[in-house]
Amino acid sequence: MTEIHLIPLEESDIEQFIKDNQAAFRYGALEEFGLRDDHFEEEGEIISQSTIEQSIDEGTAYRIVQNGKNVGGVVIRTEYDHGELELLFVSPAVHSKGIGYAAWCEIEDMHPEVTVWETVTPYFEKRNIHFYVNRCGFHIVEYFSEYHCVPDDKDREMADMFRFEKVLPVSSEAVQEQVKRVKYYEDIMQKAQDMSDVSPELHEMLSELRDYYVSDAWKRDFSSDEAGLLPKELKRGVLSQDGIYDLLEKYDM
């Protein structure tokens, strides 16, 4: 496999990181559309500086380095057993040399606790679609358009984007993260059950429980419990069929 290293992004390199990212995305757009600019977020750019800055601020950014040279970059964000690939780009000068795939393999090795990875890419990025599906093992699970929008996407930044998922086997590290999540929501449910007065604090806790109950994360935790992967002594009222539901019903949530 191509040898690369993922080096944490330094503050002094953020500006160049953004420029290199934009250049890589611009290259793909120009390949597909030539000089037409109706797919650009800001003048001349497929992806805006603010979008990249937000990804860096909210995630963890790395430089892809080969033989001491910066050849790309990646931004990821993880929570418990779930991960999001926010950005992954390789310099057009070194395309088709296995650098992106090597970087992705390194990311998976760095986070054995993650069992579900997600990412998105524009519909016209044929190289990216091939890379995620045929090289990295992702599956296309959703397409955002005028007929199927992301909630709260007022600026339609997600329009004409594919969403990809890669589901991995549940590892011991993933189970540890699931236990942490179950404990977190179990604690919230116990506190909510002990409260007698309706208050903003209670409403916030119930909203958080509701979001968890309808999430894929709850389904994964429930499945792991059904498979006997979670510790027997773990308090798991939040994973019962009626635990959260009855509490939400009580307060008409």
Protein backbone atom coordinates (compact mmCIF):
# COMPACT_ATOMS: atom_id res chain seq x y z
CA MET A 1 0.00 0.00 0.00
CA THR A 2 1.09 3.57 -0.67
CA GLU A 3 2.91 4.96 2.36
CA ILE A 4 1.51 8.18 3.78
CA HIS A 5 1.25 9.86 7.16
CA LEU A 6 -1.61 11.82 8.70
CA ILE A 7 -0.19 14.82 10.54
CA PRO A 8 -2.44 17.01 12.74
CA LEU A 9 -3.14 20.31 11.03
CA GLU A 10 -1.22 23.21 12.53
CA GLU A 11 -2.67 26.69 12.96
CA SER A 12 -0.03 28.15 10.66
CA ASP A 13 -1.06 25.83 7.82
CA ILE A 14 -4.85 26.38 7.91
CA GLU A 15 -4.86 29.04 5.18
CA GLN A 16 -2.86 26.86 2.78
CA PHE A 17 -4.96 23.83 3.72
CA ILE A 18 -8.08 25.73 2.66
CA LYS A 19 -6.50 26.81 -0.63
CA ASP A 20 -5.35 23.27 -1.41
CA ASN A 21 -8.80 21.91 -0.59
CA GLN A 22 -10.50 24.42 -2.86
CA ALA A 23 -8.04 23.69 -5.67
CA ALA A 24 -8.77 19.96 -5.46
CA PHE A 25 -12.55 20.48 -5.53
CA ARG A 26 -12.25 23.07 -8.29
CA TYR A 27 -10.27 20.60 -10.40
CA GLY A 28 -13.09 18.04 -10.21
CA ALA A 29 -15.71 20.62 -11.15
CA LEU A 30 -13.72 21.94 -14.08
CA GLU A 31 -13.24 18.39 -15.34
CA GLU A 32 -17.01 17.97 -15.42
CA PHE A 33 -18.32 21.44 -16.27
CA GLY A 34 -15.44 23.36 -17.81
CA LEU A 35 -15.62 27.05 -16.94
CA ARG A 36 -19.32 27.11 -16.07
CA ASP A 37 -19.73 28.40 -12.53
CA ASP A 38 -23.33 27.58 -11.58
CA HIS A 39 -22.20 24.85 -9.16
CA PHE A 40 -19.86 27.06 -7.15
CA GLU A 41 -20.50 28.13 -3.53
CA GLU A 42 -18.58 31.37 -3.91
CA GLU A 43 -16.93 33.03 -6.88
CA GLY A 44 -14.69 30.47 -8.54
CA GLU A 45 -14.96 27.90 -5.73
CA ILE A 46 -16.98 24.71 -5.38
CA ILE A 47 -16.52 24.77 -1.61
CA SER A 48 -16.41 28.03 0.31
CA GLN A 49 -13.78 29.07 2.80
CA SER A 50 -16.41 29.32 5.54
CA THR A 51 -17.55 25.74 4.91
CA ILE A 52 -13.99 24.44 5.26
CA GLU A 53 -13.32 26.59 8.32
CA GLN A 54 -16.46 25.27 9.99
CA SER A 55 -15.43 21.67 9.28
CA ILE A 56 -11.99 22.30 10.79
CA ASP A 57 -13.46 24.02 13.85
CA GLU A 58 -15.98 21.27 14.53
CA GLY A 59 -13.77 18.29 13.66
CA THR A 60 -10.19 17.08 13.63
CA ALA A 61 -8.05 17.99 10.64
CA TYR A 62 -4.95 16.27 9.30
CA ARG A 63 -2.49 16.84 6.51
CA ILE A 64 -1.82 13.88 4.22
CA VAL A 65 1.96 13.79 3.93
CA GLN A 66 4.05 11.67 1.57
CA ASN A 67 7.84 11.82 1.49
CA GLY A 68 7.73 14.99 3.57
CA LYS A 69 5.36 16.80 1.19
CA ASN A 70 1.75 17.85 1.73
CA VAL A 71 -0.32 15.96 -0.82
CA GLY A 72 -3.81 16.40 0.59
CA GLY A 73 -5.89 16.71 3.71
CA VAL A 74 -8.72 15.22 5.70
CA VAL A 75 -11.19 16.37 8.34
CA ILE A 76 -13.11 13.89 10.45
CA ARG A 77 -15.52 14.06 13.36
CA THR A 78 -16.35 11.17 15.69
CA GLU A 79 -18.85 10.63 18.49
CA TYR A 80 -19.11 7.31 20.32
CA ASP A 81 -19.28 4.63 17.57
CA HIS A 82 -20.18 7.03 14.76
CA GLY A 83 -17.85 8.95 12.47
CA GLU A 84 -18.23 11.58 9.80
CA LEU A 85 -15.71 12.12 7.02
CA GLU A 86 -16.13 15.85 6.60
CA LEU A 87 -13.46 16.38 3.95
CA LEU A 88 -10.90 14.32 2.10
CA PHE A 89 -8.90 15.74 -0.77
CA VAL A 90 -5.77 14.82 -2.68
CA SER A 91 -3.72 17.17 -4.81
CA PRO A 92 -4.59 16.70 -8.50
CA ALA A 93 -0.85 16.40 -9.20
CA VAL A 94 -0.78 13.03 -7.41
CA HIS A 95 -4.17 11.57 -8.34
CA SER A 96 -4.45 7.83 -9.00
CA LYS A 97 -1.45 6.92 -6.85
CA GLY A 98 -3.38 5.32 -3.99
CA ILE A 99 -2.89 8.26 -1.64
CA GLY A 100 -6.58 8.81 -0.83
CA TYR A 101 -7.16 5.11 -0.17
CA ALA A 102 -4.11 4.90 2.07
CA ALA A 103 -5.36 7.91 4.01
CA TRP A 104 -8.79 6.34 4.44
CA CYS A 105 -7.28 3.06 5.70
CA GLU A 106 -5.24 5.06 8.20
CA ILE A 107 -8.40 6.79 9.44
CA GLU A 108 -10.16 3.46 9.99
CA ASP A 109 -7.13 2.13 11.89
CA MET A 110 -7.08 5.26 14.07
CA HIS A 111 -10.72 4.78 15.08
CA PRO A 112 -11.53 1.09 15.68
CA GLU A 113 -14.45 2.24 17.87
CA VAL A 114 -16.35 3.59 14.86
CA THR A 115 -18.78 1.13 13.28
CA VAL A 116 -20.64 3.57 11.02
CA TRP A 117 -18.89 6.16 8.86
CA GLU A 118 -20.78 8.77 6.86
CA THR A 119 -19.79 11.25 4.19
CA VAL A 120 -21.34 13.28 1.37
CA THR A 121 -20.17 14.38 -2.05
CA PRO A 122 -21.73 16.29 -4.98
CA TYR A 123 -23.45 14.26 -7.68
CA PHE A 124 -20.96 15.36 -10.35
CA GLU A 125 -17.83 14.21 -8.47
CA LYS A 126 -17.49 10.96 -10.37
CA ARG A 127 -13.97 10.38 -9.10
CA ASN A 128 -15.14 10.71 -5.50
CA ILE A 129 -18.17 8.48 -6.02
CA HIS A 130 -15.95 5.80 -7.54
CA PHE A 131 -13.48 6.20 -4.68
CA TYR A 132 -16.00 5.90 -1.87
CA VAL A 133 -18.06 3.08 -3.38
CA ASN A 134 -15.57 0.97 -5.30
CA ARG A 135 -12.40 1.55 -3.28
CA CYS A 136 -13.48 2.25 0.29
CA GLY A 137 -16.62 0.13 0.54
CA PHE A 138 -19.19 2.84 1.17
CA HIS A 139 -22.78 2.56 -0.03
CA ILE A 140 -24.97 5.36 -1.35
CA VAL A 141 -27.91 5.61 1.06
CA GLU A 142 -29.49 8.97 0.25
CA TYR A 143 -29.71 11.67 -2.40
CA PHE A 144 -30.64 15.23 -1.48
CA SER A 145 -32.61 17.27 -4.00
CA GLU A 146 -35.55 19.64 -4.24
CA TYR A 147 -37.78 16.62 -3.60
CA HIS A 148 -35.81 15.35 -0.61
CA CYS A 149 -34.13 18.07 1.45
CA VAL A 150 -32.05 18.06 4.60
CA PRO A 151 -34.09 19.58 7.46
CA ASP A 152 -32.99 23.14 8.27
CA ASP A 153 -30.85 23.35 5.11
CA LYS A 154 -32.19 26.81 4.32
CA ASP A 155 -29.30 27.70 2.02
CA ARG A 156 -29.60 24.37 0.17
CA GLU A 157 -25.93 23.62 0.71
CA MET A 158 -26.76 19.90 0.64
CA ALA A 159 -28.74 20.03 -2.60
CA ASP A 160 -27.62 17.53 -5.26
CA MET A 161 -25.45 15.66 -2.77
CA PHE A 162 -25.14 11.93 -2.24
CA ARG A 163 -24.86 10.61 1.31
CA PHE A 164 -22.71 7.53 1.82
CA GLU A 165 -22.42 5.07 4.69
CA LYS A 166 -19.90 2.39 5.54
CA VAL A 167 -20.92 -0.07 8.25
CA LEU A 168 -18.17 -2.07 9.96
CA PRO A 169 -18.35 -5.04 12.33
CA VAL A 170 -18.91 -4.17 15.99
CA SER A 171 -15.53 -4.17 17.71
CA SER A 172 -14.73 -4.32 21.43
CA GLU A 173 -13.83 -0.62 21.22
CA ALA A 174 -17.23 0.12 19.67
CA VAL A 175 -19.01 -1.75 22.47
CA GLN A 176 -17.16 0.38 25.04
CA GLU A 177 -18.43 3.52 23.29
CA GLN A 178 -21.95 2.13 23.18
CA VAL A 179 -21.81 1.45 26.92
CA LYS A 180 -20.78 5.08 27.49
CA ARG A 181 -23.72 6.28 25.39
CA VAL A 182 -26.25 4.02 27.13
CA LYS A 183 -25.00 5.21 30.53
CA TYR A 184 -25.31 8.83 29.39
CA TYR A 185 -28.93 8.51 28.28
CA GLU A 186 -29.84 6.21 31.17
CA ASP A 187 -28.70 8.93 33.55
CA ILE A 188 -30.82 11.51 31.73
CA MET A 189 -33.87 9.24 31.84
CA GLN A 190 -33.47 8.57 35.55
CA LYS A 191 -33.18 12.30 36.30
CA ALA A 192 -36.24 13.04 34.14
CA GLN A 193 -38.28 10.36 35.91
CA ASP A 194 -37.37 11.84 39.29
CA MET A 195 -38.52 15.33 38.35
CA SER A 196 -42.07 16.27 39.32
CA ASP A 197 -42.36 19.78 37.90
CA VAL A 198 -42.38 20.62 34.21
CA SER A 199 -39.48 22.96 33.56
CA PRO A 200 -37.23 24.07 30.68
CA GLU A 201 -34.59 21.69 32.02
CA LEU A 202 -37.00 18.74 31.90
CA HIS A 203 -38.16 19.70 28.41
CA GLU A 204 -34.54 19.80 27.22
CA MET A 205 -33.84 16.38 28.70
CA LEU A 206 -36.98 14.90 27.13
CA SER A 207 -36.05 16.36 23.74
CA GLU A 208 -32.61 14.78 23.98
CA LEU A 209 -34.12 11.43 24.91
CA ARG A 210 -36.59 11.66 22.03
CA ASP A 211 -33.81 12.38 19.54
CA TYR A 212 -31.87 9.38 20.81
CA TYR A 213 -34.91 7.09 20.73
CA VAL A 214 -35.56 7.74 17.02
CA SER A 215 -31.89 7.67 16.00
CA ASP A 216 -29.82 5.00 14.32
CA ALA A 217 -27.58 5.10 17.40
CA TRP A 218 -30.43 3.75 19.56
CA LYS A 219 -31.04 1.00 17.00
CA ARG A 220 -27.36 0.02 17.11
CA ASP A 221 -27.34 0.00 20.91
CA PHE A 222 -30.54 -2.06 20.97
CA SER A 223 -29.13 -4.55 18.46
CA SER A 224 -25.91 -4.93 20.45
CA ASP A 225 -27.96 -5.55 23.58
CA GLU A 226 -30.08 -8.14 21.80
CA ALA A 227 -26.88 -9.83 20.61
CA GLY A 228 -25.59 -10.01 24.17
CA LEU A 229 -22.68 -7.67 23.56
CA LEU A 230 -23.44 -5.21 26.36
CA PRO A 231 -22.46 -6.06 29.97
CA LYS A 232 -25.19 -7.85 31.95
CA GLU A 233 -24.87 -5.45 34.88
CA LEU A 234 -25.40 -2.37 32.69
CA LYS A 235 -28.55 -0.41 33.50
CA ARG A 236 -30.40 -0.26 30.21
CA GLY A 237 -33.88 1.11 30.77
CA VAL A 238 -33.41 3.41 27.79
CA LEU A 239 -33.16 0.33 25.58
CA SER A 240 -36.48 -1.17 26.66
CA GLN A 241 -39.28 -0.92 24.13
CA ASP A 242 -41.39 1.25 26.45
CA GLY A 243 -38.85 3.05 28.65
CA ILE A 244 -38.37 6.32 26.80
CA TYR A 245 -41.70 6.07 24.97
CA ASP A 246 -43.75 5.97 28.18
CA LEU A 247 -41.82 8.91 29.62
CA LEU A 248 -42.40 10.99 26.49
CA GLU A 249 -46.08 10.04 26.47
CA LYS A 250 -46.41 11.17 30.07
CA TYR A 251 -45.43 14.70 29.08
CA ASP A 252 -47.09 14.57 25.64
CA MET A 253 -43.75 14.86 23.82
